[in-house]
Amino acid sequence: MKIGRALLRKRSWRVLGCLSCLLSSYAIAEDSDGVHPFLTDKFNLQLGVFSPKKDIDIRFDGSVGGGNGSIDFEEQLKFAAKDDIFSWEFVWRFGDKWSLRTQHFQSRREQQAQLEEDIEWGDTIIRAGSSVSAGTSLELTRMFFAWSLDSSQEFDYGIGLGFHLLDTGAFIARDIITDIGEVSAVSASGPMPNIGTWYYYSPSEKWVWGGRLDWFDASVGDYSGGITNFSVGGNYQIGENVGIGLKYQEFRLAANIKKSAGWRGRLETRFQGTYVYLSGNW
């Protein structure tokens, strides 16, 4: 009889233990049912530093026709291949399915160099050994209207249309001490349309992972060519309205510049590297 009661007590404790495990598992599951606010909140702002490796090739054709050779600013003019750029992104959800997604960064560099080989810049040939000042600039603003294809809580993916507003330029000036001091600057600006897609997954209220891709090939305004803008990464929510994130981002533009006056030539640029940022959501 005592043995039976002992077995019954053991079984009861086992049943209680199993029930406790089940209840605690259910509670944990309930606690982790939330998703990262990037997928649900109306506004999301990211402020950070984009640290890309840069590759900029520019061709400036002369007025008499014919194409000059491209100038590699990193190699021929000894520009630094890496730089830190302030960047921001903003998301506004204004409906169950619709959102506006924006991005902005700009890069401006200027330095002096001594040429190791002749270069053609417009109608001018600048000889090897010349001391020059040179600079490049690129300002990018991305506007993207997005439509979500999935309504589940932990996933967000869809398609959209938008444009990249570009303002780019370059100059080469021979040193006024050793030469004429002529400055030859070129610039072009205008919108480049694009289509895009994205995919994000949130396994919990703390984490979200995913990426996006924009691309297009068109002839618009000053530009005739293609654009690609790609990023992938994750974000960890460290507070109710604050998170920290890391992305790999790549931006490419390969375009012919076809201005009737000023710059006729070609621009090939590539920015690729890490983007570290703080995020705010509300």
Protein backbone atom coordinates (compact mmCIF):
# COMPACT_ATOMS: atom_id res chain seq x y z
CA MET A 1 0.00 0.00 0.00
CA LYS A 2 2.81 2.33 0.91
CA ILE A 3 4.59 1.36 -2.30
CA GLY A 4 1.45 2.16 -4.34
CA ARG A 5 1.10 5.54 -2.68
CA ALA A 6 4.78 6.30 -3.32
CA LEU A 7 4.40 5.42 -7.01
CA LEU A 8 1.28 7.56 -7.21
CA ARG A 9 3.10 10.50 -5.64
CA LYS A 10 6.01 10.06 -8.11
CA ARG A 11 3.62 9.92 -11.05
CA SER A 12 1.80 13.00 -9.76
CA TRP A 13 5.06 14.94 -9.52
CA ARG A 14 5.97 13.81 -13.04
CA VAL A 15 2.60 14.94 -14.38
CA LEU A 16 2.95 18.28 -12.57
CA GLY A 17 6.48 18.63 -13.94
CA CYS A 18 5.29 17.94 -17.48
CA LEU A 19 2.43 20.40 -17.08
CA SER A 20 4.84 23.02 -15.72
CA CYS A 21 7.15 22.52 -18.72
CA LEU A 22 4.25 22.80 -21.13
CA LEU A 23 2.93 25.95 -19.45
CA SER A 24 6.36 27.58 -19.36
CA SER A 25 6.94 26.67 -23.01
CA TYR A 26 3.59 28.19 -23.88
CA ALA A 27 4.44 31.33 -21.94
CA ILE A 28 7.78 31.65 -23.72
CA ALA A 29 6.05 31.12 -27.05
CA GLU A 30 3.53 33.79 -26.13
CA ASP A 31 6.33 36.19 -25.17
CA SER A 32 8.18 35.58 -28.46
CA ASP A 33 5.13 35.93 -30.69
CA GLY A 34 5.91 39.62 -31.29
CA VAL A 35 7.81 40.78 -34.35
CA HIS A 36 10.38 43.49 -34.88
CA PRO A 37 8.76 46.95 -35.12
CA PHE A 38 10.42 47.52 -38.52
CA LEU A 39 7.65 45.32 -39.96
CA THR A 40 4.75 46.97 -38.13
CA ASP A 41 5.41 50.57 -37.05
CA LYS A 42 4.31 53.47 -39.22
CA PHE A 43 7.67 55.28 -39.25
CA ASN A 44 11.25 53.99 -39.23
CA LEU A 45 14.35 56.21 -39.43
CA GLN A 46 17.93 54.99 -39.86
CA LEU A 47 20.97 57.24 -39.30
CA GLY A 48 24.45 55.86 -39.80
CA VAL A 49 27.80 55.68 -41.55
CA PHE A 50 28.28 54.03 -44.94
CA SER A 51 31.92 52.92 -45.36
CA PRO A 52 32.24 51.88 -48.99
CA LYS A 53 35.08 50.93 -51.24
CA LYS A 54 34.79 53.24 -54.25
CA ASP A 55 35.63 52.84 -57.90
CA ILE A 56 34.96 55.85 -60.12
CA ASP A 57 35.84 55.96 -63.83
CA ILE A 58 34.96 59.08 -65.83
CA ARG A 59 35.34 59.93 -69.50
CA PHE A 60 35.03 63.54 -70.70
CA ASP A 61 34.89 63.70 -74.51
CA GLY A 62 36.12 66.72 -76.41
CA SER A 63 33.96 68.99 -78.55
CA VAL A 64 35.46 67.83 -81.86
CA GLY A 65 34.02 64.34 -81.54
CA GLY A 66 35.51 60.98 -80.73
CA GLY A 67 35.76 59.33 -77.38
CA ASN A 68 38.58 59.93 -74.92
CA GLY A 69 39.83 57.22 -72.61
CA SER A 70 38.26 56.77 -69.16
CA ILE A 71 40.15 58.10 -66.15
CA ASP A 72 40.32 55.90 -63.07
CA PHE A 73 40.29 58.44 -60.23
CA GLU A 74 41.38 55.89 -57.63
CA GLU A 75 44.34 54.57 -59.63
CA GLN A 76 45.50 57.35 -61.94
CA LEU A 77 44.81 60.25 -59.56
CA LYS A 78 45.57 58.34 -56.33
CA PHE A 79 42.18 58.90 -54.69
CA ALA A 80 41.54 56.91 -51.52
CA ALA A 81 39.60 53.75 -52.33
CA LYS A 82 37.60 53.88 -49.05
CA ASP A 83 35.74 56.65 -47.30
CA ASP A 84 33.14 57.14 -44.57
CA ILE A 85 29.86 58.74 -45.67
CA PHE A 86 26.91 59.85 -43.56
CA SER A 87 23.71 58.19 -44.80
CA TRP A 88 20.06 58.02 -43.79
CA GLU A 89 17.00 55.96 -44.73
CA PHE A 90 13.34 56.53 -43.88
CA VAL A 91 10.22 54.34 -44.19
CA TRP A 92 6.65 55.63 -43.96
CA ARG A 93 3.79 53.12 -44.00
CA PHE A 94 0.62 54.92 -45.03
CA GLY A 95 -1.68 51.92 -45.51
CA ASP A 96 -2.01 48.19 -44.95
CA LYS A 97 -0.05 47.48 -48.12
CA TRP A 98 1.63 50.74 -49.16
CA SER A 99 4.80 52.47 -48.00
CA LEU A 100 7.26 55.16 -49.09
CA ARG A 101 10.94 54.27 -48.66
CA THR A 102 13.70 56.87 -49.04
CA GLN A 103 17.48 56.89 -48.86
CA HIS A 104 20.18 59.57 -49.13
CA PHE A 105 23.97 59.80 -49.15
CA GLN A 106 26.58 61.97 -50.81
CA SER A 107 30.29 61.75 -51.46
CA ARG A 108 32.64 64.65 -52.27
CA ARG A 109 36.41 64.32 -52.56
CA GLU A 110 39.22 66.60 -53.66
CA GLN A 111 42.99 66.23 -53.63
CA GLN A 112 46.24 66.94 -55.47
CA ALA A 113 48.26 64.46 -57.49
CA GLN A 114 51.16 64.23 -59.90
CA LEU A 115 50.28 62.39 -63.10
CA GLU A 116 52.29 59.31 -63.99
CA GLU A 117 50.85 59.17 -67.54
CA ASP A 118 49.13 61.45 -70.03
CA ILE A 119 45.37 61.84 -69.67
CA GLU A 120 42.75 63.33 -71.99
CA TRP A 121 40.18 65.55 -70.28
CA GLY A 122 37.81 67.22 -72.73
CA ASP A 123 39.85 68.99 -75.41
CA THR A 124 42.97 69.04 -73.24
CA ILE A 125 45.82 66.56 -72.95
CA ILE A 126 47.49 66.85 -69.55
CA ARG A 127 51.01 65.45 -69.73
CA ALA A 128 52.67 63.01 -67.36
CA GLY A 129 54.50 64.80 -64.58
CA SER A 130 51.91 67.58 -64.33
CA SER A 131 50.69 68.54 -60.88
CA VAL A 132 46.90 68.66 -60.78
CA SER A 133 44.01 69.15 -58.40
CA ALA A 134 41.03 66.85 -58.97
CA GLY A 135 37.67 66.14 -57.40
CA THR A 136 34.53 64.08 -57.75
CA SER A 137 31.04 64.37 -56.31
CA LEU A 138 28.01 62.10 -56.16
CA GLU A 139 24.74 62.86 -54.38
CA LEU A 140 22.03 60.21 -54.39
CA THR A 141 18.43 60.41 -53.18
CA ARG A 142 16.24 57.33 -53.54
CA MET A 143 12.42 57.53 -53.51
CA PHE A 144 10.54 54.23 -53.70
CA PHE A 145 6.78 53.53 -53.57
CA ALA A 146 6.30 49.97 -52.34
CA TRP A 147 3.39 47.53 -52.31
CA SER A 148 3.56 44.58 -49.90
CA LEU A 149 2.62 41.15 -51.25
CA ASP A 150 2.41 39.39 -47.87
CA SER A 151 0.09 40.14 -44.97
CA SER A 152 1.51 37.70 -42.39
CA GLN A 153 3.02 39.25 -39.29
CA GLU A 154 6.58 37.94 -39.41
CA PHE A 155 7.22 38.32 -43.17
CA ASP A 156 7.34 41.39 -45.37
CA TYR A 157 8.07 41.24 -49.09
CA GLY A 158 6.80 43.00 -52.16
CA ILE A 159 7.52 45.06 -55.27
CA GLY A 160 7.56 48.73 -56.14
CA LEU A 161 8.51 51.59 -58.43
CA GLY A 162 10.70 54.58 -57.77
CA PHE A 163 13.62 56.67 -58.90
CA HIS A 164 17.16 57.64 -57.93
CA LEU A 165 17.78 61.38 -58.16
CA LEU A 166 21.46 61.77 -59.07
CA ASP A 167 23.71 64.80 -59.06
CA THR A 168 27.26 63.96 -60.11
CA GLY A 169 30.34 65.79 -61.30
CA ALA A 170 34.13 65.94 -61.53
CA PHE A 171 36.92 68.38 -62.25
CA ILE A 172 40.63 68.39 -63.05
CA ALA A 173 42.69 71.59 -62.66
CA ARG A 174 46.35 71.92 -63.50
CA ASP A 175 48.48 73.45 -60.77
CA ILE A 176 48.61 77.25 -61.22
CA ILE A 177 52.23 77.34 -60.04
CA THR A 178 53.52 74.94 -62.68
CA ASP A 179 50.96 75.36 -65.45
CA ILE A 180 48.14 77.48 -66.85
CA GLY A 181 45.72 76.81 -64.01
CA GLU A 182 42.83 75.86 -66.29
CA VAL A 183 39.86 74.21 -64.59
CA SER A 184 37.71 71.80 -66.57
CA ALA A 185 34.62 70.77 -64.61
CA VAL A 186 31.76 68.51 -65.71
CA SER A 187 28.41 67.75 -64.08
CA ALA A 188 25.11 66.05 -64.77
CA SER A 189 21.89 65.57 -62.81
CA GLY A 190 18.49 64.01 -63.18
CA PRO A 191 16.25 61.12 -62.13
CA MET A 192 16.93 57.47 -62.98
CA PRO A 193 13.75 55.34 -62.66
CA ASN A 194 13.90 51.87 -61.18
CA ILE A 195 11.84 48.87 -60.19
CA GLY A 196 12.60 46.91 -57.06
CA THR A 197 11.78 44.17 -54.61
CA TRP A 198 12.52 43.37 -50.95
CA TYR A 199 12.22 40.56 -48.42
CA TYR A 200 12.34 40.81 -44.60
CA TYR A 201 11.81 38.16 -41.92
CA SER A 202 11.45 38.72 -38.16
CA PRO A 203 11.82 35.61 -35.94
CA SER A 204 11.14 37.66 -32.79
CA GLU A 205 10.44 41.18 -31.57
CA LYS A 206 14.21 41.75 -31.24
CA TRP A 207 15.51 40.68 -34.66
CA VAL A 208 14.77 41.34 -38.31
CA TRP A 209 16.77 40.11 -41.34
CA GLY A 210 16.46 40.77 -45.03
CA GLY A 211 17.41 42.89 -47.98
CA ARG A 212 16.29 44.76 -51.06
CA LEU A 213 17.24 45.18 -54.71
CA ASP A 214 16.57 48.05 -57.14
CA TRP A 215 17.57 47.98 -60.78
CA PHE A 216 16.83 49.56 -64.16
CA ASP A 217 18.33 50.22 -67.58
CA ALA A 218 16.96 53.25 -69.39
CA SER A 219 17.63 56.48 -71.25
CA VAL A 220 16.40 59.42 -69.17
CA GLY A 221 17.55 63.04 -69.12
CA ASP A 222 21.34 63.32 -69.06
CA TYR A 223 21.83 59.58 -68.58
CA SER A 224 21.62 56.52 -70.78
CA GLY A 225 22.52 53.37 -68.90
CA GLY A 226 21.84 51.12 -65.95
CA ILE A 227 21.63 51.38 -62.17
CA THR A 228 21.72 48.75 -59.40
CA ASN A 229 21.21 49.39 -55.67
CA PHE A 230 21.39 46.36 -53.36
CA SER A 231 21.54 45.89 -49.57
CA VAL A 232 21.26 42.98 -47.11
CA GLY A 233 21.60 42.85 -43.33
CA GLY A 234 19.91 42.75 -39.93
CA ASN A 235 18.69 44.92 -37.06
CA TYR A 236 18.54 44.27 -33.31
CA GLN A 237 15.98 46.18 -31.19
CA ILE A 238 17.76 47.41 -28.04
CA GLY A 239 14.84 49.42 -26.65
CA GLU A 240 11.19 50.16 -27.22
CA ASN A 241 11.90 52.71 -29.97
CA VAL A 242 15.61 52.24 -30.70
CA GLY A 243 17.61 49.62 -32.59
CA ILE A 244 21.06 49.05 -34.06
CA GLY A 245 21.77 47.55 -37.45
CA LEU A 246 24.42 46.44 -39.91
CA LYS A 247 24.08 46.10 -43.69
CA TYR A 248 26.20 45.34 -46.70
CA GLN A 249 25.27 47.78 -49.46
CA GLU A 250 26.30 48.11 -53.09
CA PHE A 251 25.44 50.90 -55.52
CA ARG A 252 26.42 50.76 -59.21
CA LEU A 253 25.88 53.19 -62.05
CA ALA A 254 27.13 52.78 -65.61
CA ALA A 255 25.82 55.51 -67.88
CA ASN A 256 26.62 57.53 -70.97
CA ILE A 257 26.33 61.27 -70.39
CA LYS A 258 24.65 62.91 -73.36
CA LYS A 259 24.32 66.60 -72.55
CA SER A 260 24.15 68.75 -75.66
CA ALA A 261 26.48 71.29 -74.03
CA GLY A 262 29.07 70.72 -71.36
CA TRP A 263 29.68 67.07 -70.59
CA ARG A 264 29.60 64.31 -73.16
CA GLY A 265 31.22 61.10 -72.01
CA ARG A 266 30.70 58.20 -69.67
CA LEU A 267 30.46 57.60 -65.92
CA GLU A 268 31.03 54.28 -64.21
CA THR A 269 30.85 54.25 -60.43
CA ARG A 270 30.62 51.57 -57.77
CA PHE A 271 30.20 51.99 -54.00
CA GLN A 272 30.27 48.78 -51.95
CA GLY A 273 30.72 48.25 -48.23
CA THR A 274 29.19 48.19 -44.76
CA TYR A 275 26.52 50.51 -43.38
CA VAL A 276 26.28 50.73 -39.56
CA TYR A 277 23.31 52.63 -38.19
CA LEU A 278 20.98 53.46 -35.32
CA SER A 279 17.27 53.10 -36.00
CA GLY A 280 14.25 54.78 -34.46
CA ASN A 281 10.67 53.57 -34.81
CA TRP A 282 7.30 55.00 -33.79
